[in-house]
Amino acid sequence: MSRQQRLESLRDELIDRADRYKAHKARLEQPLDRDLEDQAIELENEDVIDALEQEAEEELRQVMHALERVQSGEGDTCEQCGEPIDPRRIEALPYAVLCLECAAGRAHQ
């Protein structure tokens, strides 16, 4: 499977996941249970769903950015230094847009 196909598949999975989180949250928008302990659990679950939804949306942004770079022919080069991205990095993280060196430097900033 090509990198573009992998990114498109990942994009579709992330969109489905985000849609499921939104649907789950819509079901949770009903009145809270009368029991305080159950209310606390419901609110905690809602916080977890919110965090998972935000994580999926951020990953989707990264996938879309990488997909744009692949489609423009720039997908295999680091967007920071212009050097080739190691194919093993792309295999492990299909939406990588930085080489390992630049990614490590950005993580330390």
Protein backbone atom coordinates (compact mmCIF):
# COMPACT_ATOMS: atom_id res chain seq x y z
CA MET A 1 0.00 0.00 0.00
CA SER A 2 1.42 3.39 -0.96
CA ARG A 3 1.95 6.15 1.57
CA GLN A 4 -0.89 8.15 0.04
CA GLN A 5 -3.24 5.17 0.38
CA ARG A 6 -2.16 4.65 3.98
CA LEU A 7 -2.76 8.33 4.75
CA GLU A 8 -6.17 8.26 3.04
CA SER A 9 -7.14 5.16 5.02
CA LEU A 10 -5.95 6.75 8.26
CA ARG A 11 -7.84 9.95 7.39
CA ASP A 12 -11.05 7.96 6.88
CA GLU A 13 -10.56 6.10 10.18
CA LEU A 14 -9.99 9.35 12.07
CA ILE A 15 -13.06 10.99 10.55
CA ASP A 16 -15.15 7.97 11.55
CA ARG A 17 -13.67 8.04 15.05
CA ALA A 18 -14.38 11.76 15.48
CA ASP A 19 -17.95 11.22 14.25
CA ARG A 20 -18.45 8.41 16.79
CA TYR A 21 -17.18 10.67 19.60
CA LYS A 22 -19.57 13.43 18.52
CA ALA A 23 -22.48 10.99 18.38
CA HIS A 24 -21.58 9.67 21.83
CA LYS A 25 -21.42 13.20 23.22
CA ALA A 26 -24.84 13.97 21.71
CA ARG A 27 -26.28 11.02 23.65
CA LEU A 28 -24.62 12.34 26.80
CA GLU A 29 -26.31 15.73 26.49
CA GLN A 30 -29.36 14.38 28.25
CA PRO A 31 -30.11 15.52 31.81
CA LEU A 32 -27.69 14.23 34.43
CA ASP A 33 -28.64 11.38 36.70
CA ARG A 34 -30.03 12.37 40.08
CA ASP A 35 -27.44 10.35 41.97
CA LEU A 36 -24.35 12.50 42.64
CA GLU A 37 -21.96 9.57 42.22
CA ASP A 38 -23.48 8.71 38.83
CA GLN A 39 -23.28 12.39 37.86
CA ALA A 40 -19.58 12.44 38.68
CA ILE A 41 -18.99 9.34 36.54
CA GLU A 42 -20.99 10.81 33.65
CA LEU A 43 -19.01 14.06 33.78
CA GLU A 44 -15.70 12.21 33.97
CA ASN A 45 -16.67 10.07 30.96
CA GLU A 46 -17.57 13.23 29.07
CA ASP A 47 -14.12 14.67 29.82
CA VAL A 48 -12.47 11.50 28.50
CA ILE A 49 -14.56 11.59 25.31
CA ASP A 50 -13.67 15.29 24.83
CA ALA A 51 -9.96 14.49 25.17
CA LEU A 52 -10.20 11.57 22.74
CA GLU A 53 -12.08 13.71 20.24
CA GLN A 54 -9.45 16.47 20.45
CA GLU A 55 -6.68 13.91 20.00
CA ALA A 56 -8.38 12.43 16.90
CA GLU A 57 -8.91 15.91 15.42
CA GLU A 58 -5.26 16.86 15.97
CA GLU A 59 -4.06 13.62 14.39
CA LEU A 60 -6.46 14.24 11.49
CA ARG A 61 -4.92 17.70 10.95
CA GLN A 62 -1.46 16.11 10.83
CA VAL A 63 -2.64 13.44 8.39
CA MET A 64 -4.28 16.01 6.12
CA HIS A 65 -1.11 18.12 6.12
CA ALA A 66 1.05 15.11 5.24
CA LEU A 67 -1.41 14.06 2.55
CA GLU A 68 -1.20 17.52 0.95
CA ARG A 69 2.60 17.27 0.97
CA VAL A 70 2.52 13.79 -0.60
CA GLN A 71 0.08 14.92 -3.29
CA SER A 72 2.32 17.91 -4.12
CA GLY A 73 5.38 15.67 -4.41
CA GLU A 74 7.08 16.96 -1.23
CA GLY A 75 6.03 14.15 1.09
CA ASP A 76 9.38 12.41 1.43
CA THR A 77 11.39 15.51 2.34
CA CYS A 78 11.58 17.19 5.72
CA GLU A 79 9.59 20.41 5.68
CA GLN A 80 12.10 22.04 8.02
CA CYS A 81 15.53 21.15 6.61
CA GLY A 82 14.64 19.74 3.18
CA GLU A 83 16.55 16.50 3.71
CA PRO A 84 14.90 13.14 2.88
CA ILE A 85 12.80 11.59 5.66
CA ASP A 86 14.04 8.09 6.49
CA PRO A 87 11.65 5.55 4.92
CA ARG A 88 11.60 3.64 8.23
CA ARG A 89 10.22 6.77 9.94
CA ILE A 90 7.56 7.13 7.25
CA GLU A 91 6.69 3.44 7.65
CA ALA A 92 6.29 3.86 11.40
CA LEU A 93 4.57 7.26 11.24
CA PRO A 94 2.95 7.77 7.82
CA TYR A 95 2.07 11.40 8.57
CA ALA A 96 5.64 12.38 9.46
CA VAL A 97 6.65 15.64 7.78
CA LEU A 98 9.93 16.12 9.66
CA CYS A 99 13.06 14.01 9.63
CA LEU A 100 13.98 12.42 12.94
CA GLU A 101 16.63 15.05 13.69
CA CYS A 102 14.27 18.00 13.16
CA ALA A 103 11.45 16.28 15.04
CA ALA A 104 13.78 15.67 18.00
CA GLY A 105 14.91 19.30 17.91
CA ARG A 106 11.32 20.53 17.88
CA ALA A 107 10.43 18.24 20.81
CA HIS A 108 13.18 19.80 22.93
CA GLN A 109 12.02 23.37 22.30
